[in-house]
Amino acid sequence: MINVSKVFSSVSMDAATAEDIVSKVAVFVQLAEGIANVSGSQKLAAVGTALQGFLEAQYPAIQAEFSKLWPEVVSLVNGMVALFNALDVFVHAVADTVKSVEASVAQAVKPAA
C-alpha cells in the first residue's frame, strides 16, 4: 500500500484525504483527456479548475493552500497521463465512444424493413 499522503508534501493532510484527492485528480484527468481539439495546457487548466472546485466544496482548508499544492498536482497529472497513455486508456476510451456513436447513427439511419 502506498502512503499517498506523501504525494502532497507541501500541504498537511491525512492519508484518507490525500487518497480522495488523488482519485478525483485521476477522474478529472480522464475527463479532460476526453475533450477534443484542445491543447494539453488547456486540459491541465481544466483539471486545475475542477480540482479547485472540488477542494473548495470538500476541503476548504486545503483549497486555501492551492498554490502550494498545484506544482505537486501537475507532477501527479503528468505521471497519470504518461501511465494512461502507456496503457492505451485514452485510445480505448475514444475508440469505444466512436464505436458507440457509429452504432447509434447506423441504427438511426437504418431503413425500415
C-alpha atoms as a PDB file:
ATOM      1  CA  MET A   1       0.000   0.000   0.000  1.00  0.00           C
ATOM      2  CA  ILE A   2       1.329   3.410  -0.953  1.00  0.00           C
ATOM      3  CA  ASN A   3       1.042   6.213   1.579  1.00  0.00           C
ATOM      4  CA  VAL A   4      -0.492   8.789  -0.733  1.00  0.00           C
ATOM      5  CA  SER A   5      -0.262  11.494   1.921  1.00  0.00           C
ATOM      6  CA  LYS A   6       3.414  11.730   0.879  1.00  0.00           C
ATOM      7  CA  VAL A   7       2.358  12.691  -2.656  1.00  0.00           C
ATOM      8  CA  PHE A   8       1.434  16.138  -1.391  1.00  0.00           C
ATOM      9  CA  SER A   9       4.279  17.184   0.877  1.00  0.00           C
ATOM     10  CA  SER A  10       3.606  20.919   0.643  1.00  0.00           C
ATOM     11  CA  VAL A  11       0.231  20.759   2.408  1.00  0.00           C
ATOM     12  CA  SER A  12      -0.525  18.827   5.570  1.00  0.00           C
ATOM     13  CA  MET A  13      -3.266  16.194   5.172  1.00  0.00           C
ATOM     14  CA  ASP A  14      -4.073  12.689   6.304  1.00  0.00           C
ATOM     15  CA  ALA A  15      -3.811   9.652   4.040  1.00  0.00           C
ATOM     16  CA  ALA A  16      -7.581   9.355   3.507  1.00  0.00           C
ATOM     17  CA  THR A  17      -7.800  12.974   2.331  1.00  0.00           C
ATOM     18  CA  ALA A  18      -4.805  12.546   0.029  1.00  0.00           C
ATOM     19  CA  GLU A  19      -6.307   9.348  -1.390  1.00  0.00           C
ATOM     20  CA  ASP A  20      -9.611  11.134  -2.038  1.00  0.00           C
ATOM     21  CA  ILE A  21      -7.825  13.987  -3.820  1.00  0.00           C
ATOM     22  CA  VAL A  22      -5.662  11.633  -5.916  1.00  0.00           C
ATOM     23  CA  SER A  23      -8.711   9.649  -7.003  1.00  0.00           C
ATOM     24  CA  LYS A  24     -10.530  12.842  -8.016  1.00  0.00           C
ATOM     25  CA  VAL A  25      -7.477  14.055  -9.939  1.00  0.00           C
ATOM     26  CA  ALA A  26      -7.496  10.747 -11.857  1.00  0.00           C
ATOM     27  CA  VAL A  27     -11.161  11.258 -12.757  1.00  0.00           C
ATOM     28  CA  PHE A  28     -10.549  14.885 -13.775  1.00  0.00           C
ATOM     29  CA  VAL A  29      -7.590  13.817 -15.948  1.00  0.00           C
ATOM     30  CA  GLN A  30      -9.671  11.210 -17.739  1.00  0.00           C
ATOM     31  CA  LEU A  31     -12.482  13.703 -18.311  1.00  0.00           C
ATOM     32  CA  ALA A  32     -10.065  16.353 -19.582  1.00  0.00           C
ATOM     33  CA  GLU A  33      -8.412  13.889 -21.950  1.00  0.00           C
ATOM     34  CA  GLY A  34     -11.815  13.272 -23.493  1.00  0.00           C
ATOM     35  CA  ILE A  35     -12.089  16.901 -24.583  1.00  0.00           C
ATOM     36  CA  ALA A  36     -11.342  17.120 -28.297  1.00  0.00           C
ATOM     37  CA  ASN A  37      -9.426  19.881 -30.065  1.00  0.00           C
ATOM     38  CA  VAL A  38      -7.799  21.457 -27.012  1.00  0.00           C
ATOM     39  CA  SER A  39      -4.152  21.613 -26.052  1.00  0.00           C
ATOM     40  CA  GLY A  40      -2.526  19.778 -23.191  1.00  0.00           C
ATOM     41  CA  SER A  41      -2.145  23.028 -21.276  1.00  0.00           C
ATOM     42  CA  GLN A  42      -5.867  23.709 -21.677  1.00  0.00           C
ATOM     43  CA  LYS A  43      -6.641  20.213 -20.389  1.00  0.00           C
ATOM     44  CA  LEU A  44      -4.330  20.795 -17.429  1.00  0.00           C
ATOM     45  CA  ALA A  45      -6.103  24.083 -16.712  1.00  0.00           C
ATOM     46  CA  ALA A  46      -9.443  22.231 -16.805  1.00  0.00           C
ATOM     47  CA  VAL A  47      -8.117  19.707 -14.280  1.00  0.00           C
ATOM     48  CA  GLY A  48      -6.964  22.595 -12.081  1.00  0.00           C
ATOM     49  CA  THR A  49     -10.338  24.320 -12.238  1.00  0.00           C
ATOM     50  CA  ALA A  50     -12.208  21.099 -11.440  1.00  0.00           C
ATOM     51  CA  LEU A  51      -9.837  20.333  -8.576  1.00  0.00           C
ATOM     52  CA  GLN A  52     -10.205  23.815  -7.126  1.00  0.00           C
ATOM     53  CA  GLY A  53     -13.986  23.436  -7.142  1.00  0.00           C
ATOM     54  CA  PHE A  54     -13.767  20.020  -5.517  1.00  0.00           C
ATOM     55  CA  LEU A  55     -11.375  21.252  -2.845  1.00  0.00           C
ATOM     56  CA  GLU A  56     -13.482  24.328  -2.161  1.00  0.00           C
ATOM     57  CA  ALA A  57     -16.514  22.119  -1.555  1.00  0.00           C
ATOM     58  CA  GLN A  58     -14.838  19.273   0.324  1.00  0.00           C
ATOM     59  CA  TYR A  59     -11.570  20.556   1.780  1.00  0.00           C
ATOM     60  CA  PRO A  60     -11.645  24.369   2.081  1.00  0.00           C
ATOM     61  CA  ALA A  61      -8.519  24.495   4.257  1.00  0.00           C
ATOM     62  CA  ILE A  62      -6.559  22.674   1.563  1.00  0.00           C
ATOM     63  CA  GLN A  63      -8.111  24.771  -1.206  1.00  0.00           C
ATOM     64  CA  ALA A  64      -6.830  27.852   0.620  1.00  0.00           C
ATOM     65  CA  GLU A  65      -3.306  26.485   0.042  1.00  0.00           C
ATOM     66  CA  PHE A  66      -3.932  25.512  -3.586  1.00  0.00           C
ATOM     67  CA  SER A  67      -0.965  27.499  -4.901  1.00  0.00           C
ATOM     68  CA  LYS A  68       1.357  25.346  -2.766  1.00  0.00           C
ATOM     69  CA  LEU A  69      -0.368  22.149  -3.848  1.00  0.00           C
ATOM     70  CA  TRP A  70      -0.597  22.889  -7.583  1.00  0.00           C
ATOM     71  CA  PRO A  71       3.025  22.088  -8.588  1.00  0.00           C
ATOM     72  CA  GLU A  72       2.669  18.664  -6.964  1.00  0.00           C
ATOM     73  CA  VAL A  73      -0.668  18.124  -8.709  1.00  0.00           C
ATOM     74  CA  VAL A  74       0.952  18.989 -12.061  1.00  0.00           C
ATOM     75  CA  SER A  75       3.607  16.321 -11.445  1.00  0.00           C
ATOM     76  CA  LEU A  76       0.890  13.837 -10.489  1.00  0.00           C
ATOM     77  CA  VAL A  77      -1.161  14.676 -13.604  1.00  0.00           C
ATOM     78  CA  ASN A  78       1.892  14.297 -15.850  1.00  0.00           C
ATOM     79  CA  GLY A  79       2.581  10.884 -14.330  1.00  0.00           C
ATOM     80  CA  MET A  80      -1.051   9.816 -14.717  1.00  0.00           C
ATOM     81  CA  VAL A  81      -1.185  10.920 -18.348  1.00  0.00           C
ATOM     82  CA  ALA A  82       2.040   9.049 -19.102  1.00  0.00           C
ATOM     83  CA  LEU A  83       0.710   5.916 -17.408  1.00  0.00           C
ATOM     84  CA  PHE A  84      -2.700   6.131 -19.081  1.00  0.00           C
ATOM     85  CA  ASN A  85      -1.020   6.688 -22.457  1.00  0.00           C
ATOM     86  CA  ALA A  86       1.259   3.689 -21.912  1.00  0.00           C
ATOM     87  CA  LEU A  87      -1.797   1.580 -21.084  1.00  0.00           C
ATOM     88  CA  ASP A  88      -3.766   2.993 -24.047  1.00  0.00           C
ATOM     89  CA  VAL A  89      -6.524   4.071 -21.654  1.00  0.00           C
ATOM     90  CA  PHE A  90      -7.384   7.156 -23.686  1.00  0.00           C
ATOM     91  CA  VAL A  91      -7.146   5.402 -27.052  1.00  0.00           C
ATOM     92  CA  HIS A  92      -9.591   2.709 -25.925  1.00  0.00           C
ATOM     93  CA  ALA A  93     -11.969   5.240 -24.393  1.00  0.00           C
ATOM     94  CA  VAL A  94     -12.052   7.264 -27.604  1.00  0.00           C
ATOM     95  CA  ALA A  95     -12.408   4.149 -29.746  1.00  0.00           C
ATOM     96  CA  ASP A  96     -15.286   2.895 -27.581  1.00  0.00           C
ATOM     97  CA  THR A  97     -17.019   6.268 -27.850  1.00  0.00           C
ATOM     98  CA  VAL A  98     -16.600   6.323 -31.638  1.00  0.00           C
ATOM     99  CA  LYS A  99     -17.986   2.778 -31.929  1.00  0.00           C
ATOM    100  CA  SER A 100     -20.958   3.724 -29.760  1.00  0.00           C
ATOM    101  CA  VAL A 101     -21.705   6.819 -31.838  1.00  0.00           C
ATOM    102  CA  GLU A 102     -21.318   4.870 -35.079  1.00  0.00           C
ATOM    103  CA  ALA A 103     -23.728   2.198 -33.835  1.00  0.00           C
ATOM    104  CA  SER A 104     -26.265   4.840 -32.812  1.00  0.00           C
ATOM    105  CA  VAL A 105     -26.027   6.581 -36.184  1.00  0.00           C
ATOM    106  CA  ALA A 106     -26.301   3.286 -38.054  1.00  0.00           C
ATOM    107  CA  GLN A 107     -29.406   2.380 -36.049  1.00  0.00           C
ATOM    108  CA  ALA A 108     -30.932   5.816 -36.641  1.00  0.00           C
ATOM    109  CA  VAL A 109     -30.472   5.714 -40.415  1.00  0.00           C
ATOM    110  CA  LYS A 110     -31.324   2.038 -40.846  1.00  0.00           C
ATOM    111  CA  PRO A 111     -34.074   1.652 -43.432  1.00  0.00           C
ATOM    112  CA  ALA A 112     -37.344   0.212 -42.196  1.00  0.00           C
ATOM    113  CA  ALA A 113     -37.848  -3.414 -43.151  1.00  0.00           C
END
